[in-house]
Amino acid sequence: MTLLASHGFEKSKYVIEYSRTAAVETNFKVQHFGAVLAYASRAIADLERQQHSNEERERLLQLQAEASKAEEKSHALAEARLATMPREEYRARFEQAKAFIIQQYPNMGQLLANRQTSKLHEGAIRACMRQQLEREDMSSRLLSAPDPTEEN
């Protein structure tokens, strides 16, 4: 049975390339095509390993893209909630987030105590507020989800 009939054109081409590379690495002088067949099983195994790895990489990239889209949507929803929030609630949440950040990062607390907040500080506090809203959103979704242990 020939290499081409057994494996098709693309795999046969890979076997030949693999054989050439392996022969160079081992200083083997290929004198006839039969020598290439000695590398066929290793070459096919290597190709299948690469294909599996590529498929896994594609799957992971797809999962990351989906997670990124979900995160962007969550950020946008939180930003929309912040934008439409009553002034009093916004102020209370701002102070709560500021206190949390000061507790987590004492050096930032010293900066905030010594002067007015900068755009950088306001951005960090707003990000903290957004994260809190996202957590609240997630909690409410979990609480409103049907209990899978309950029967209908």
Protein backbone atom coordinates (compact mmCIF):
# COMPACT_ATOMS: atom_id res chain seq x y z
CA MET A 1 0.00 0.00 0.00
CA THR A 2 1.43 3.38 -0.89
CA LEU A 3 1.81 6.36 1.42
CA LEU A 4 -0.53 8.45 -0.68
CA ALA A 5 -3.26 5.78 -0.77
CA SER A 6 -2.99 5.21 2.98
CA HIS A 7 -2.95 8.79 4.20
CA GLY A 8 -3.99 11.15 1.42
CA PHE A 9 -2.07 14.02 -0.10
CA GLU A 10 -1.79 16.42 2.87
CA LYS A 11 -0.69 13.79 5.39
CA SER A 12 1.72 12.25 2.88
CA LYS A 13 3.24 15.66 2.27
CA TYR A 14 3.66 16.13 6.02
CA VAL A 15 5.28 12.66 6.36
CA ILE A 16 7.84 13.57 3.69
CA GLU A 17 8.61 16.93 5.33
CA TYR A 18 8.82 15.31 8.76
CA SER A 19 11.11 12.58 7.40
CA ARG A 20 13.41 15.11 5.78
CA THR A 21 13.70 17.13 9.01
CA ALA A 22 14.23 14.01 11.13
CA ALA A 23 16.88 12.68 8.74
CA VAL A 24 18.79 15.99 8.88
CA GLU A 25 18.62 16.03 12.70
CA THR A 26 19.98 12.47 12.94
CA ASN A 27 22.46 12.79 10.04
CA PHE A 28 20.67 9.94 8.27
CA LYS A 29 21.33 9.85 4.53
CA VAL A 30 18.07 8.93 2.81
CA GLN A 31 18.91 6.89 -0.27
CA HIS A 32 15.45 5.65 -1.28
CA PHE A 33 11.80 6.46 -0.64
CA GLY A 34 11.37 3.42 1.61
CA ALA A 35 13.37 5.27 4.27
CA VAL A 36 10.63 7.87 4.40
CA LEU A 37 8.10 5.17 5.27
CA ALA A 38 10.08 4.40 8.42
CA TYR A 39 9.07 7.83 9.73
CA ALA A 40 5.41 7.60 8.67
CA SER A 41 3.86 6.49 11.98
CA ARG A 42 5.81 9.09 13.99
CA ALA A 43 4.97 11.80 11.49
CA ILE A 44 1.23 10.98 11.49
CA ALA A 45 1.20 10.90 15.31
CA ASP A 46 2.96 14.26 15.41
CA LEU A 47 0.51 15.76 12.90
CA GLU A 48 -2.50 14.48 14.86
CA ARG A 49 -1.02 15.89 18.08
CA GLN A 50 -0.62 19.27 16.38
CA GLN A 51 -4.15 19.19 15.01
CA HIS A 52 -5.55 18.30 18.44
CA SER A 53 -3.51 21.09 19.99
CA ASN A 54 -4.79 23.55 17.36
CA GLU A 55 -8.39 22.46 17.97
CA GLU A 56 -7.94 22.90 21.71
CA ARG A 57 -6.36 26.32 21.17
CA GLU A 58 -9.29 27.35 18.94
CA ARG A 59 -11.76 26.14 21.57
CA LEU A 60 -9.99 28.11 24.30
CA LEU A 61 -9.87 31.24 22.13
CA GLN A 62 -13.60 30.89 21.48
CA LEU A 63 -14.30 30.53 25.22
CA GLN A 64 -12.14 33.58 25.96
CA ALA A 65 -13.94 35.62 23.31
CA GLU A 66 -17.31 34.64 24.76
CA ALA A 67 -16.16 35.50 28.29
CA SER A 68 -14.81 38.83 27.08
CA LYS A 69 -18.12 39.68 25.40
CA ALA A 70 -20.03 38.76 28.56
CA GLU A 71 -17.68 40.91 30.63
CA GLU A 72 -18.08 43.86 28.26
CA LYS A 73 -21.86 43.50 28.44
CA SER A 74 -21.72 43.35 32.23
CA HIS A 75 -19.53 46.47 32.35
CA ALA A 76 -21.89 48.31 30.00
CA LEU A 77 -24.92 47.39 32.12
CA ALA A 78 -23.16 48.52 35.30
CA GLU A 79 -22.12 51.79 33.63
CA ALA A 80 -25.70 52.36 32.50
CA ARG A 81 -26.94 51.78 36.04
CA LEU A 82 -24.38 54.24 37.39
CA ALA A 83 -25.37 56.83 34.80
CA THR A 84 -29.07 56.63 35.68
CA MET A 85 -28.64 56.24 39.43
CA PRO A 86 -30.16 58.94 41.68
CA ARG A 87 -27.56 61.43 42.92
CA GLU A 88 -27.94 60.43 46.60
CA GLU A 89 -27.50 56.72 45.87
CA TYR A 90 -24.52 57.46 43.61
CA ARG A 91 -22.88 59.55 46.36
CA ALA A 92 -23.48 56.84 48.98
CA ARG A 93 -22.05 54.13 46.73
CA PHE A 94 -19.11 56.37 45.83
CA GLU A 95 -18.25 56.87 49.52
CA GLN A 96 -18.71 53.14 50.21
CA ALA A 97 -16.38 52.22 47.33
CA LYS A 98 -13.88 54.88 48.42
CA ALA A 99 -13.86 53.45 51.97
CA PHE A 100 -13.35 49.95 50.57
CA ILE A 101 -10.41 51.07 48.43
CA ILE A 102 -8.84 52.94 51.36
CA GLN A 103 -9.16 49.79 53.47
CA GLN A 104 -7.61 47.63 50.72
CA TYR A 105 -4.92 50.14 49.73
CA PRO A 106 -3.85 52.28 52.72
CA ASN A 107 -1.35 54.31 50.64
CA MET A 108 -4.17 55.45 48.40
CA GLY A 109 -6.09 56.44 51.52
CA GLN A 110 -3.24 58.73 52.54
CA LEU A 111 -3.29 60.36 49.10
CA LEU A 112 -7.04 60.86 49.28
CA ALA A 113 -6.84 62.32 52.81
CA ASN A 114 -4.19 64.86 51.79
CA ARG A 115 -5.96 66.32 48.75
CA GLN A 116 -8.97 66.20 46.49
CA THR A 117 -9.50 63.08 44.42
CA SER A 118 -7.94 63.10 40.98
CA LYS A 119 -9.41 61.66 37.79
CA LEU A 120 -7.29 58.57 38.39
CA HIS A 121 -8.71 58.09 41.88
CA GLU A 122 -12.25 58.76 40.69
CA GLY A 123 -11.76 56.19 37.93
CA ALA A 124 -10.55 53.58 40.44
CA ILE A 125 -13.48 54.32 42.74
CA ARG A 126 -15.95 54.18 39.84
CA ALA A 127 -14.45 50.83 38.73
CA CYS A 128 -14.97 49.55 42.27
CA MET A 129 -18.58 50.77 42.15
CA ARG A 130 -19.08 49.02 38.80
CA GLN A 131 -17.65 45.78 40.19
CA GLN A 132 -20.00 46.00 43.17
CA LEU A 133 -22.98 46.47 40.83
CA GLU A 134 -21.83 43.51 38.74
CA ARG A 135 -21.58 41.35 41.87
CA GLU A 136 -25.05 42.45 42.94
CA ASP A 137 -26.36 41.65 39.47
CA MET A 138 -24.80 38.18 39.60
CA SER A 139 -26.19 37.54 43.09
CA SER A 140 -29.70 38.54 42.05
CA ARG A 141 -29.50 36.27 38.99
CA LEU A 142 -28.36 33.37 41.15
CA LEU A 143 -31.14 33.98 43.66
CA SER A 144 -33.79 34.22 40.95
CA ALA A 145 -32.60 31.13 39.07
CA PRO A 146 -34.83 28.07 39.47
CA ASP A 147 -33.63 25.52 42.00
CA PRO A 148 -32.56 22.39 40.04
CA THR A 149 -33.26 20.20 43.09
CA GLU A 150 -36.93 21.18 43.21
CA GLU A 151 -39.45 19.13 41.29
CA ASN A 152 -41.97 20.84 39.03
